[in-house]
Amino acid sequence: MKRLVTMFPTVLMAYAVWGSVVFLGVPLSSRLLGQWRVVELFGQDLTVNGQQALIIRFDKDGRLEGRSDCGTFTGVWTTAPDQVRFRALRPSRCDQAGSKAIEQRVLHAMTVTRETRVVNGRVMLMHEGRPLVMLEPQRT
């Protein structure tokens, strides 16, 4: 009985310390840093039929810059566990119809994105469980 009385607080303390530690791996904010290519938009594969590449760069200071044949757009990004938020998105001054439409759709998707999922090294931007944009890492 004496052994149980002395062991119980030790077990309780160990559980409190180790039971509260949750390993989440690499934080999303670190995973997003760098340059990404938009390869899918609302289910449309942008890598076929000579679609223009749209590249988005995420900086450690929370700024983003997107580039295409059309121009450059900018914004701000923040993360929480498995979530990313985009705000202050400023479109480029694009006047090319096809490129402008793609940029507008990407910006719209980014404004409603609330969730993310990492699939085979790619990052999927999502809203209410639906995939919106698939980003593929680019070498810099």
N, C-alpha and C. Protein backbone atom coordinates (compact mmCIF):
# COMPACT_ATOMS: atom_id res chain seq x y z
N MET A 1 0.82 -1.18 0.00
CA MET A 1 0.00 0.00 0.00
C MET A 1 0.87 1.26 0.00
N LYS A 2 1.93 1.23 0.82
CA LYS A 2 2.83 2.37 0.89
C LYS A 2 3.49 2.63 -0.46
N ARG A 3 3.87 1.53 -1.14
CA ARG A 3 4.48 1.65 -2.46
C ARG A 3 3.50 2.27 -3.45
N LEU A 4 2.24 1.89 -3.41
CA LEU A 4 1.21 2.44 -4.29
C LEU A 4 1.00 3.92 -4.03
N VAL A 5 1.01 4.33 -2.78
CA VAL A 5 0.81 5.72 -2.41
C VAL A 5 1.97 6.58 -2.91
N THR A 6 3.19 6.08 -2.88
CA THR A 6 4.34 6.86 -3.37
C THR A 6 4.45 6.80 -4.89
N MET A 7 4.01 5.71 -5.50
CA MET A 7 4.13 5.57 -6.95
C MET A 7 3.04 6.36 -7.69
N PHE A 8 1.86 6.45 -7.11
CA PHE A 8 0.75 7.12 -7.78
C PHE A 8 1.06 8.58 -8.14
N PRO A 9 1.60 9.41 -7.23
CA PRO A 9 1.93 10.79 -7.62
C PRO A 9 2.99 10.86 -8.73
N THR A 10 3.93 9.92 -8.70
CA THR A 10 4.97 9.89 -9.74
C THR A 10 4.35 9.59 -11.10
N VAL A 11 3.48 8.61 -11.16
CA VAL A 11 2.81 8.25 -12.41
C VAL A 11 1.93 9.41 -12.88
N LEU A 12 1.22 10.03 -11.96
CA LEU A 12 0.36 11.16 -12.29
C LEU A 12 1.18 12.32 -12.86
N MET A 13 2.32 12.61 -12.24
CA MET A 13 3.19 13.69 -12.71
C MET A 13 3.76 13.36 -14.10
N ALA A 14 4.19 12.14 -14.31
CA ALA A 14 4.74 11.74 -15.61
C ALA A 14 3.68 11.87 -16.69
N TYR A 15 2.45 11.45 -16.39
CA TYR A 15 1.38 11.57 -17.37
C TYR A 15 1.09 13.03 -17.69
N ALA A 16 1.09 13.88 -16.65
CA ALA A 16 0.82 15.30 -16.87
C ALA A 16 1.88 15.93 -17.76
N VAL A 17 3.13 15.55 -17.58
CA VAL A 17 4.22 16.12 -18.38
C VAL A 17 4.23 15.53 -19.78
N TRP A 18 4.29 14.22 -19.89
CA TRP A 18 4.42 13.59 -21.21
C TRP A 18 3.09 13.49 -21.95
N GLY A 19 1.99 13.38 -21.24
CA GLY A 19 0.68 13.27 -21.89
C GLY A 19 0.25 14.55 -22.56
N SER A 20 0.80 15.68 -22.14
CA SER A 20 0.41 16.95 -22.74
C SER A 20 1.27 17.31 -23.94
N VAL A 21 2.31 16.55 -24.21
CA VAL A 21 3.19 16.85 -25.34
C VAL A 21 2.61 16.21 -26.59
N VAL A 22 2.36 17.01 -27.58
CA VAL A 22 1.82 16.52 -28.85
C VAL A 22 2.82 16.87 -29.94
N PHE A 23 3.27 15.86 -30.69
CA PHE A 23 4.21 16.12 -31.77
C PHE A 23 3.44 16.43 -33.04
N LEU A 24 3.60 17.63 -33.52
CA LEU A 24 2.89 18.05 -34.72
C LEU A 24 3.79 18.03 -35.95
N GLY A 25 5.06 17.70 -35.78
CA GLY A 25 5.98 17.72 -36.92
C GLY A 25 6.37 19.14 -37.26
N VAL A 26 6.71 19.34 -38.52
CA VAL A 26 7.13 20.66 -38.98
C VAL A 26 5.91 21.56 -39.08
N PRO A 27 5.94 22.76 -38.49
CA PRO A 27 4.79 23.65 -38.57
C PRO A 27 4.48 24.05 -40.01
N LEU A 28 3.21 24.30 -40.27
CA LEU A 28 2.77 24.68 -41.60
C LEU A 28 3.50 25.93 -42.09
N SER A 29 3.73 26.89 -41.21
CA SER A 29 4.39 28.12 -41.63
C SER A 29 5.78 27.83 -42.19
N SER A 30 6.50 26.87 -41.62
CA SER A 30 7.82 26.51 -42.14
C SER A 30 7.71 25.74 -43.45
N ARG A 31 6.67 24.93 -43.57
CA ARG A 31 6.48 24.17 -44.81
C ARG A 31 6.18 25.07 -46.00
N LEU A 32 5.45 26.16 -45.76
CA LEU A 32 5.05 27.03 -46.86
C LEU A 32 6.15 27.97 -47.34
N LEU A 33 7.15 28.20 -46.52
CA LEU A 33 8.21 29.13 -46.92
C LEU A 33 8.82 28.70 -48.24
N GLY A 34 9.04 29.67 -49.11
CA GLY A 34 9.66 29.37 -50.39
C GLY A 34 8.73 29.62 -51.55
N GLN A 35 9.08 28.99 -52.67
CA GLN A 35 8.38 29.22 -53.92
C GLN A 35 7.54 28.01 -54.30
N TRP A 36 6.31 28.28 -54.76
CA TRP A 36 5.36 27.23 -55.13
C TRP A 36 4.74 27.54 -56.49
N ARG A 37 4.45 26.52 -57.25
CA ARG A 37 3.77 26.65 -58.54
C ARG A 37 2.34 26.17 -58.38
N VAL A 38 1.40 26.95 -58.88
CA VAL A 38 -0.01 26.54 -58.87
C VAL A 38 -0.18 25.52 -60.00
N VAL A 39 -0.50 24.26 -59.62
CA VAL A 39 -0.64 23.21 -60.62
C VAL A 39 -2.09 22.77 -60.83
N GLU A 40 -2.95 23.15 -59.89
CA GLU A 40 -4.36 22.79 -60.02
C GLU A 40 -5.21 23.89 -59.39
N LEU A 41 -6.31 24.22 -60.04
CA LEU A 41 -7.19 25.29 -59.60
C LEU A 41 -8.63 24.86 -59.77
N PHE A 42 -9.36 24.71 -58.66
CA PHE A 42 -10.74 24.23 -58.68
C PHE A 42 -10.88 22.97 -59.53
N GLY A 43 -9.94 22.03 -59.37
CA GLY A 43 -9.99 20.76 -60.09
C GLY A 43 -9.42 20.79 -61.50
N GLN A 44 -9.06 21.95 -62.01
CA GLN A 44 -8.51 22.08 -63.36
C GLN A 44 -6.99 21.97 -63.30
N ASP A 45 -6.43 21.03 -64.07
CA ASP A 45 -4.98 20.84 -64.13
C ASP A 45 -4.38 21.96 -64.97
N LEU A 46 -3.55 22.79 -64.36
CA LEU A 46 -2.95 23.93 -65.07
C LEU A 46 -1.63 23.58 -65.74
N THR A 47 -1.22 22.33 -65.65
CA THR A 47 0.05 21.94 -66.26
C THR A 47 -0.11 21.42 -67.69
N VAL A 48 -1.33 21.30 -68.16
CA VAL A 48 -1.58 20.81 -69.52
C VAL A 48 -2.00 21.95 -70.44
N ASN A 49 -1.96 21.70 -71.70
CA ASN A 49 -2.42 22.66 -72.72
C ASN A 49 -1.69 24.00 -72.69
N GLY A 50 -0.44 23.97 -72.31
CA GLY A 50 0.36 25.20 -72.36
C GLY A 50 -0.10 26.32 -71.45
N GLN A 51 -0.75 25.98 -70.34
CA GLN A 51 -1.20 27.01 -69.39
C GLN A 51 0.02 27.75 -68.83
N GLN A 52 -0.14 29.02 -68.59
CA GLN A 52 0.94 29.82 -68.02
C GLN A 52 1.20 29.39 -66.58
N ALA A 53 2.46 29.38 -66.20
CA ALA A 53 2.82 29.04 -64.82
C ALA A 53 2.54 30.23 -63.91
N LEU A 54 1.91 29.95 -62.80
CA LEU A 54 1.69 30.97 -61.78
C LEU A 54 2.49 30.52 -60.56
N ILE A 55 3.45 31.34 -60.16
CA ILE A 55 4.35 31.03 -59.06
C ILE A 55 4.02 31.95 -57.88
N ILE A 56 3.96 31.35 -56.68
CA ILE A 56 3.71 32.13 -55.46
C ILE A 56 4.88 31.91 -54.51
N ARG A 57 5.43 32.99 -53.99
CA ARG A 57 6.53 32.92 -53.02
C ARG A 57 6.03 33.38 -51.66
N PHE A 58 6.24 32.56 -50.62
CA PHE A 58 5.88 32.88 -49.26
C PHE A 58 7.14 33.23 -48.49
N ASP A 59 7.21 34.44 -47.96
CA ASP A 59 8.37 34.90 -47.19
C ASP A 59 8.14 34.67 -45.71
N LYS A 60 9.24 34.60 -44.95
CA LYS A 60 9.13 34.37 -43.50
C LYS A 60 8.52 35.54 -42.75
N ASP A 61 8.48 36.72 -43.39
CA ASP A 61 7.87 37.88 -42.73
C ASP A 61 6.35 37.94 -42.94
N GLY A 62 5.76 36.90 -43.55
CA GLY A 62 4.31 36.85 -43.73
C GLY A 62 3.81 37.50 -45.00
N ARG A 63 4.70 37.83 -45.90
CA ARG A 63 4.29 38.43 -47.17
C ARG A 63 4.34 37.36 -48.26
N LEU A 64 3.50 37.57 -49.27
CA LEU A 64 3.51 36.68 -50.43
C LEU A 64 3.56 37.50 -51.70
N GLU A 65 4.11 36.88 -52.72
CA GLU A 65 4.17 37.51 -54.03
C GLU A 65 3.88 36.44 -55.07
N GLY A 66 2.92 36.73 -55.94
CA GLY A 66 2.57 35.81 -57.02
C GLY A 66 2.97 36.39 -58.35
N ARG A 67 3.55 35.55 -59.22
CA ARG A 67 3.99 36.02 -60.54
C ARG A 67 3.46 35.09 -61.62
N SER A 68 3.09 35.72 -62.74
CA SER A 68 2.70 34.96 -63.93
C SER A 68 3.17 35.75 -65.14
N ASP A 69 2.83 35.28 -66.32
CA ASP A 69 3.16 36.02 -67.54
C ASP A 69 2.47 37.38 -67.53
N CYS A 70 1.45 37.48 -66.74
CA CYS A 70 0.60 38.66 -66.70
C CYS A 70 1.14 39.79 -65.83
N GLY A 71 1.77 39.45 -64.72
CA GLY A 71 2.24 40.46 -63.79
C GLY A 71 2.47 39.88 -62.41
N THR A 72 2.44 40.74 -61.41
CA THR A 72 2.73 40.35 -60.03
C THR A 72 1.59 40.78 -59.11
N PHE A 73 1.15 39.85 -58.24
CA PHE A 73 0.19 40.22 -57.21
C PHE A 73 0.85 40.00 -55.85
N THR A 74 0.33 40.65 -54.83
CA THR A 74 0.93 40.58 -53.50
C THR A 74 -0.14 40.35 -52.44
N GLY A 75 0.31 40.05 -51.24
CA GLY A 75 -0.61 39.86 -50.13
C GLY A 75 0.13 39.49 -48.87
N VAL A 76 -0.65 39.08 -47.86
CA VAL A 76 -0.13 38.71 -46.56
C VAL A 76 -0.70 37.34 -46.21
N TRP A 77 0.09 36.52 -45.51
CA TRP A 77 -0.37 35.20 -45.10
C TRP A 77 -0.01 34.93 -43.64
N THR A 78 -0.87 34.17 -42.96
CA THR A 78 -0.63 33.73 -41.59
C THR A 78 -1.09 32.28 -41.48
N THR A 79 -0.57 31.57 -40.47
CA THR A 79 -0.97 30.18 -40.29
C THR A 79 -1.37 29.91 -38.84
N ALA A 80 -2.12 28.85 -38.69
CA ALA A 80 -2.45 28.21 -37.42
C ALA A 80 -2.35 26.72 -37.74
N PRO A 81 -2.48 25.83 -36.77
CA PRO A 81 -2.37 24.41 -37.10
C PRO A 81 -3.31 23.99 -38.23
N ASP A 82 -2.73 23.50 -39.31
CA ASP A 82 -3.46 23.03 -40.50
C ASP A 82 -4.36 24.09 -41.13
N GLN A 83 -4.08 25.36 -40.86
CA GLN A 83 -4.87 26.43 -41.44
C GLN A 83 -3.95 27.51 -41.99
N VAL A 84 -4.40 28.15 -43.03
CA VAL A 84 -3.68 29.30 -43.57
C VAL A 84 -4.72 30.34 -43.93
N ARG A 85 -4.37 31.60 -43.72
CA ARG A 85 -5.27 32.71 -44.05
C ARG A 85 -4.51 33.68 -44.93
N PHE A 86 -5.19 34.17 -45.95
CA PHE A 86 -4.61 35.16 -46.85
C PHE A 86 -5.44 36.43 -46.73
N ARG A 87 -4.76 37.57 -46.71
CA ARG A 87 -5.48 38.84 -46.66
C ARG A 87 -4.66 39.90 -47.38
N ALA A 88 -5.27 41.06 -47.54
CA ALA A 88 -4.64 42.19 -48.22
C ALA A 88 -4.09 41.78 -49.59
N LEU A 89 -4.84 40.93 -50.30
CA LEU A 89 -4.41 40.49 -51.63
C LEU A 89 -4.62 41.62 -52.64
N ARG A 90 -3.57 41.96 -53.36
CA ARG A 90 -3.63 43.01 -54.38
C ARG A 90 -3.32 42.40 -55.73
N PRO A 91 -4.28 42.40 -56.65
CA PRO A 91 -4.05 41.80 -57.97
C PRO A 91 -3.06 42.62 -58.80
N SER A 92 -2.52 41.96 -59.81
CA SER A 92 -1.63 42.66 -60.74
C SER A 92 -2.49 43.55 -61.65
N ARG A 93 -1.86 44.32 -62.44
CA ARG A 93 -2.58 45.17 -63.40
C ARG A 93 -2.62 44.47 -64.76
N CYS A 94 -3.09 43.26 -64.73
CA CYS A 94 -3.10 42.41 -65.91
C CYS A 94 -4.16 42.85 -66.92
N ASP A 95 -3.79 42.79 -68.20
CA ASP A 95 -4.76 43.09 -69.24
C ASP A 95 -4.90 41.95 -70.25
N GLN A 96 -4.29 40.80 -69.94
CA GLN A 96 -4.41 39.63 -70.81
C GLN A 96 -5.55 38.76 -70.29
N ALA A 97 -6.55 38.55 -71.12
CA ALA A 97 -7.79 37.90 -70.68
C ALA A 97 -7.57 36.55 -70.01
N GLY A 98 -6.84 35.64 -70.63
CA GLY A 98 -6.63 34.30 -70.06
C GLY A 98 -5.88 34.33 -68.76
N SER A 99 -4.78 35.04 -68.72
CA SER A 99 -3.96 35.13 -67.51
C SER A 99 -4.71 35.85 -66.40
N LYS A 100 -5.45 36.88 -66.75
CA LYS A 100 -6.21 37.64 -65.76
C LYS A 100 -7.27 36.74 -65.11
N ALA A 101 -7.94 35.92 -65.91
CA ALA A 101 -8.97 35.04 -65.37
C ALA A 101 -8.38 34.02 -64.39
N ILE A 102 -7.22 33.46 -64.72
CA ILE A 102 -6.58 32.50 -63.83
C ILE A 102 -6.16 33.20 -62.54
N GLU A 103 -5.54 34.37 -62.66
CA GLU A 103 -5.12 35.11 -61.47
C GLU A 103 -6.33 35.43 -60.59
N GLN A 104 -7.42 35.88 -61.17
CA GLN A 104 -8.61 36.21 -60.39
C GLN A 104 -9.16 34.99 -59.67
N ARG A 105 -9.14 33.84 -60.32
CA ARG A 105 -9.64 32.61 -59.70
C ARG A 105 -8.73 32.17 -58.56
N VAL A 106 -7.41 32.32 -58.74
CA VAL A 106 -6.47 31.97 -57.67
C VAL A 106 -6.69 32.89 -56.46
N LEU A 107 -6.81 34.18 -56.71
CA LEU A 107 -7.03 35.14 -55.62
C LEU A 107 -8.34 34.86 -54.90
N HIS A 108 -9.39 34.53 -55.65
CA HIS A 108 -10.67 34.19 -55.02
C HIS A 108 -10.50 32.96 -54.13
N ALA A 109 -9.83 31.93 -54.66
CA ALA A 109 -9.61 30.70 -53.88
C ALA A 109 -8.83 31.01 -52.60
N MET A 110 -7.84 31.88 -52.69
CA MET A 110 -7.03 32.22 -51.52
C MET A 110 -7.86 32.97 -50.48
N THR A 111 -8.80 33.78 -50.90
CA THR A 111 -9.61 34.53 -49.94
C THR A 111 -10.54 33.63 -49.15
N VAL A 112 -10.98 32.52 -49.72
CA VAL A 112 -11.89 31.62 -49.00
C VAL A 112 -11.19 30.42 -48.37
N THR A 113 -9.89 30.25 -48.61
CA THR A 113 -9.13 29.14 -48.04
C THR A 113 -9.12 29.22 -46.53
N ARG A 114 -9.42 28.10 -45.88
CA ARG A 114 -9.38 28.03 -44.43
C ARG A 114 -8.57 26.83 -43.94
N GLU A 115 -8.37 25.84 -44.78
CA GLU A 115 -7.69 24.61 -44.37
C GLU A 115 -6.58 24.29 -45.36
N THR A 116 -5.65 23.46 -44.92
CA THR A 116 -4.62 22.96 -45.82
C THR A 116 -4.42 21.47 -45.59
N ARG A 117 -3.88 20.83 -46.59
CA ARG A 117 -3.51 19.42 -46.48
C ARG A 117 -2.25 19.24 -47.30
N VAL A 118 -1.29 18.51 -46.76
CA VAL A 118 -0.06 18.21 -47.49
C VAL A 118 -0.21 16.82 -48.08
N VAL A 119 -0.08 16.71 -49.40
CA VAL A 119 -0.24 15.44 -50.12
C VAL A 119 0.97 15.25 -51.03
N ASN A 120 1.78 14.24 -50.74
CA ASN A 120 2.96 13.94 -51.56
C ASN A 120 3.85 15.16 -51.78
N GLY A 121 4.09 15.94 -50.75
CA GLY A 121 4.95 17.11 -50.85
C GLY A 121 4.27 18.34 -51.43
N ARG A 122 3.05 18.18 -51.90
CA ARG A 122 2.29 19.32 -52.42
C ARG A 122 1.37 19.84 -51.32
N VAL A 123 1.02 21.12 -51.40
CA VAL A 123 0.10 21.71 -50.43
C VAL A 123 -1.22 22.01 -51.12
N MET A 124 -2.29 21.50 -50.52
CA MET A 124 -3.63 21.72 -51.05
C MET A 124 -4.32 22.77 -50.18
N LEU A 125 -4.74 23.87 -50.80
CA LEU A 125 -5.53 24.89 -50.11
C LEU A 125 -6.99 24.47 -50.23
N MET A 126 -7.71 24.50 -49.10
CA MET A 126 -9.06 23.95 -49.08
C MET A 126 -10.03 24.87 -48.35
N HIS A 127 -11.31 24.63 -48.60
CA HIS A 127 -12.38 25.31 -47.89
C HIS A 127 -13.51 24.31 -47.67
N GLU A 128 -13.90 24.13 -46.40
CA GLU A 128 -14.97 23.20 -46.03
C GLU A 128 -14.75 21.81 -46.63
N GLY A 129 -13.50 21.34 -46.59
CA GLY A 129 -13.17 20.01 -47.06
C GLY A 129 -13.01 19.88 -48.56
N ARG A 130 -13.24 20.95 -49.31
CA ARG A 130 -13.12 20.90 -50.77
C ARG A 130 -11.79 21.48 -51.21
N PRO A 131 -11.06 20.78 -52.10
CA PRO A 131 -9.80 21.32 -52.60
C PRO A 131 -10.04 22.50 -53.54
N LEU A 132 -9.24 23.55 -53.37
CA LEU A 132 -9.36 24.73 -54.22
C LEU A 132 -8.13 24.89 -55.11
N VAL A 133 -6.95 24.86 -54.49
CA VAL A 133 -5.70 25.10 -55.21
C VAL A 133 -4.67 24.08 -54.75
N MET A 134 -3.92 23.52 -55.71
CA MET A 134 -2.83 22.62 -55.38
C MET A 134 -1.53 23.32 -55.72
N LEU A 135 -0.62 23.40 -54.75
CA LEU A 135 0.67 24.06 -54.93
C LEU A 135 1.77 23.00 -54.92
N GLU A 136 2.70 23.13 -55.86
CA GLU A 136 3.83 22.21 -55.96
C GLU A 136 5.11 22.99 -55.66
N PRO A 137 5.99 22.47 -54.80
CA PRO A 137 7.20 23.22 -54.46
C PRO A 137 8.10 23.43 -55.68
N GLN A 138 8.75 24.59 -55.72
CA GLN A 138 9.68 24.93 -56.80
C GLN A 138 11.08 25.09 -56.21
N ARG A 139 12.04 24.68 -56.95
CA ARG A 139 13.43 24.90 -56.52
C ARG A 139 13.81 26.32 -56.85
N THR A 140 14.52 26.94 -55.93
CA THR A 140 14.93 28.33 -56.14
C THR A 140 16.38 28.43 -56.49
